[in-house]
Amino acid sequence: MQESNTTSGRQLTENRKTATEAARTIQTHEGRHFADLTLTGEVTLSVIKEPGSSFAAHGDGESFSGSILHISEKAVLIETARAAQEGALLSLSVLVEPGETISDTLALVTRIDQEDDAWIMGFSFVGRDHLADILSGAELDLLDKKFGSFTAQVKRMLSQRPGQRNGKGA
């Protein structure tokens, strides 16, 4: 794991503040739907598979928490006290507004940096269709069906909200 000097502590604090932008509905613009969510910045990570270790098909591997520094539809940057191995597959659960969670999101560790006594980890969100290079065929068959891509999990969470259907506004 290589140490990086590209992100200062002050910059991390600013990123953490901007990672919790708010709104509560799906907006439509030029036929595209946008979900604006209030994120608390808190995330729980559960190891599904680290290179050279056992496989936790139900996401019941080692769990630890972190803080979101930056998030997009395709990736997330998280600060934690523990690092996972680069190439590890994890399940992320992100707290959204009191009482809601975007859970069971598949993410692959793509970056690990140490900053003082914390780890800064970058993750790419992956869907089940991108796991063939990470998991064996038997592991893919055993992986719990609840796991999915970030986009799929956001749509699932939104479809469960009152006044929302199929991830679209009422």
Protein backbone atom coordinates (compact mmCIF):
# COMPACT_ATOMS: atom_id res chain seq x y z
CA MET A 1 0.00 0.00 0.00
CA GLN A 2 1.41 3.29 -1.04
CA GLU A 3 1.11 6.53 0.87
CA SER A 4 -0.27 9.50 -1.03
CA ASN A 5 0.30 13.18 -0.36
CA THR A 6 -2.30 14.37 -2.86
CA THR A 7 -5.10 14.93 -0.32
CA SER A 8 -4.62 17.14 2.74
CA GLY A 9 -6.55 16.80 6.01
CA ARG A 10 -8.29 20.16 5.36
CA GLN A 11 -9.33 19.03 1.88
CA LEU A 12 -10.72 15.78 3.33
CA THR A 13 -12.83 17.76 5.81
CA GLU A 14 -14.20 19.93 3.01
CA ASN A 15 -14.96 16.85 0.90
CA ARG A 16 -16.79 15.28 3.84
CA LYS A 17 -18.98 18.39 4.19
CA THR A 18 -19.90 18.41 0.49
CA ALA A 19 -20.64 14.66 0.46
CA THR A 20 -23.96 15.32 2.19
CA GLU A 21 -25.84 17.46 -0.34
CA ALA A 22 -29.63 17.36 0.00
CA ALA A 23 -33.07 17.02 -1.59
CA ARG A 24 -35.75 14.35 -1.38
CA THR A 25 -37.35 13.64 -4.74
CA ILE A 26 -36.57 12.42 -8.21
CA GLN A 27 -36.26 15.25 -10.67
CA THR A 28 -36.67 14.92 -14.42
CA HIS A 29 -34.71 16.92 -16.98
CA GLU A 30 -34.80 16.24 -20.72
CA GLY A 31 -36.21 12.75 -20.15
CA ARG A 32 -33.53 11.79 -17.62
CA HIS A 33 -34.33 11.07 -13.97
CA PHE A 34 -32.14 12.38 -11.16
CA ALA A 35 -32.38 11.26 -7.53
CA ASP A 36 -31.17 13.87 -5.08
CA LEU A 37 -30.60 12.23 -1.71
CA THR A 38 -29.56 13.41 1.73
CA LEU A 39 -26.57 11.31 2.74
CA THR A 40 -25.38 11.28 6.34
CA GLY A 41 -21.84 10.53 5.24
CA GLU A 42 -21.80 7.34 7.31
CA VAL A 43 -21.13 4.02 5.60
CA THR A 44 -20.85 0.44 6.80
CA LEU A 45 -18.58 -1.87 4.81
CA SER A 46 -18.73 -5.67 4.88
CA VAL A 47 -16.09 -7.83 3.26
CA ILE A 48 -17.46 -10.30 0.72
CA LYS A 49 -14.09 -11.40 -0.61
CA GLU A 50 -10.52 -10.21 -0.24
CA PRO A 51 -7.80 -11.69 -2.45
CA GLY A 52 -6.52 -14.89 -0.86
CA SER A 53 -9.22 -15.07 1.80
CA SER A 54 -12.57 -16.77 2.33
CA PHE A 55 -15.83 -15.85 0.62
CA ALA A 56 -18.84 -14.42 2.53
CA ALA A 57 -21.75 -15.05 0.15
CA HIS A 58 -24.27 -13.26 2.38
CA GLY A 59 -22.09 -10.25 3.22
CA ASP A 60 -21.43 -11.58 6.70
CA GLY A 61 -17.66 -11.14 6.52
CA GLU A 62 -15.75 -8.65 8.65
CA SER A 63 -17.59 -5.32 8.96
CA PHE A 64 -16.25 -1.85 9.69
CA SER A 65 -17.44 1.73 9.31
CA GLY A 66 -16.25 4.83 7.54
CA SER A 67 -17.12 8.31 6.35
CA ILE A 68 -17.91 9.26 2.77
CA LEU A 69 -15.59 11.91 1.38
CA HIS A 70 -16.98 11.93 -2.16
CA ILE A 71 -19.60 9.88 -3.97
CA SER A 72 -20.83 9.64 -7.55
CA GLU A 73 -22.92 7.17 -9.51
CA LYS A 74 -19.82 5.10 -10.35
CA ALA A 75 -17.49 5.45 -7.37
CA VAL A 76 -17.03 6.48 -3.75
CA LEU A 77 -14.08 7.72 -1.67
CA ILE A 78 -14.24 6.70 1.98
CA GLU A 79 -12.14 7.40 5.09
CA THR A 80 -11.85 4.45 7.52
CA ALA A 81 -9.72 3.27 10.42
CA ARG A 82 -9.16 -0.09 8.69
CA ALA A 83 -8.03 -0.83 5.14
CA ALA A 84 -9.24 -3.63 2.89
CA GLN A 85 -6.96 -5.07 0.24
CA GLU A 86 -6.90 -3.57 -3.23
CA GLY A 87 -9.10 -5.77 -5.40
CA ALA A 88 -11.36 -6.76 -2.49
CA LEU A 89 -15.12 -6.99 -3.06
CA LEU A 90 -17.22 -5.37 -0.35
CA SER A 91 -20.85 -4.62 0.34
CA LEU A 92 -21.60 -1.01 1.31
CA SER A 93 -24.57 0.34 3.23
CA VAL A 94 -24.97 4.12 3.11
CA LEU A 95 -27.23 5.95 5.55
CA VAL A 96 -29.72 8.16 3.72
CA GLU A 97 -31.99 10.42 5.73
CA PRO A 98 -33.11 9.10 9.12
CA GLY A 99 -34.48 5.62 8.73
CA GLU A 100 -33.37 4.90 5.15
CA THR A 101 -30.36 3.04 3.82
CA ILE A 102 -28.93 2.26 0.41
CA SER A 103 -27.74 -1.23 1.27
CA ASP A 104 -26.16 -4.28 -0.30
CA THR A 105 -24.21 -2.23 -2.84
CA LEU A 106 -21.30 -4.08 -4.45
CA ALA A 107 -18.01 -2.16 -4.54
CA LEU A 108 -14.48 -3.07 -5.57
CA VAL A 109 -11.47 -1.51 -3.78
CA THR A 110 -9.46 0.36 -6.42
CA ARG A 111 -7.34 2.73 -4.32
CA ILE A 112 -5.80 2.70 -0.85
CA ASP A 113 -3.85 5.58 0.70
CA GLN A 114 -2.81 6.22 4.28
CA GLU A 115 -3.38 9.70 5.70
CA ASP A 116 -2.12 10.12 9.28
CA ASP A 117 -3.95 7.42 11.28
CA ALA A 118 -6.76 6.93 8.74
CA TRP A 119 -7.11 5.03 5.48
CA ILE A 120 -8.54 6.65 2.37
CA MET A 121 -10.07 4.01 0.12
CA GLY A 122 -11.49 4.44 -3.36
CA PHE A 123 -14.17 2.06 -4.58
CA SER A 124 -15.76 1.46 -7.97
CA PHE A 125 -19.37 0.37 -7.82
CA VAL A 126 -19.91 -2.89 -9.70
CA GLY A 127 -22.95 -4.85 -10.73
CA ARG A 128 -23.35 -8.60 -10.64
CA ASP A 129 -22.59 -8.73 -14.38
CA HIS A 130 -19.02 -7.48 -13.70
CA LEU A 131 -18.05 -10.11 -11.13
CA ALA A 132 -16.82 -12.90 -13.42
CA ASP A 133 -13.19 -11.70 -13.07
CA ILE A 134 -13.49 -11.39 -9.28
CA LEU A 135 -15.48 -14.44 -8.19
CA SER A 136 -15.46 -18.05 -9.38
CA GLY A 137 -18.54 -19.49 -11.07
CA ALA A 138 -19.47 -21.33 -7.87
CA GLU A 139 -19.06 -18.15 -5.81
CA LEU A 140 -21.24 -16.21 -8.27
CA ASP A 141 -23.95 -18.85 -7.87
CA LEU A 142 -23.74 -18.62 -4.07
CA LEU A 143 -23.64 -14.80 -3.88
CA ASP A 144 -26.87 -13.60 -2.27
CA LYS A 145 -29.29 -12.13 -4.83
CA LYS A 146 -29.83 -9.04 -2.65
CA PHE A 147 -26.49 -7.56 -3.80
CA GLY A 148 -26.44 -5.18 -6.75
CA SER A 149 -24.96 -2.06 -8.29
CA PHE A 150 -25.27 1.35 -6.64
CA THR A 151 -27.78 2.50 -9.27
CA ALA A 152 -29.93 -0.62 -8.80
CA GLN A 153 -29.87 -0.26 -5.02
CA VAL A 154 -30.82 3.45 -5.17
CA LYS A 155 -33.75 2.58 -7.45
CA ARG A 156 -34.80 -0.19 -5.06
CA MET A 157 -34.65 2.15 -2.06
CA LEU A 158 -36.58 4.88 -3.88
CA SER A 159 -39.26 2.43 -5.04
CA GLN A 160 -39.94 1.60 -1.39
CA ARG A 161 -40.58 5.26 -0.48
CA PRO A 162 -44.19 6.42 -0.12
CA GLY A 163 -45.27 8.27 -3.28
CA GLN A 164 -42.58 6.66 -5.45
CA ARG A 165 -43.05 3.85 -8.00
CA ASN A 166 -40.32 2.02 -9.90
CA GLY A 167 -37.76 4.67 -9.02
CA LYS A 168 -39.84 7.39 -10.74
CA GLY A 169 -41.80 10.24 -9.22
CA ALA A 170 -45.45 9.68 -8.42
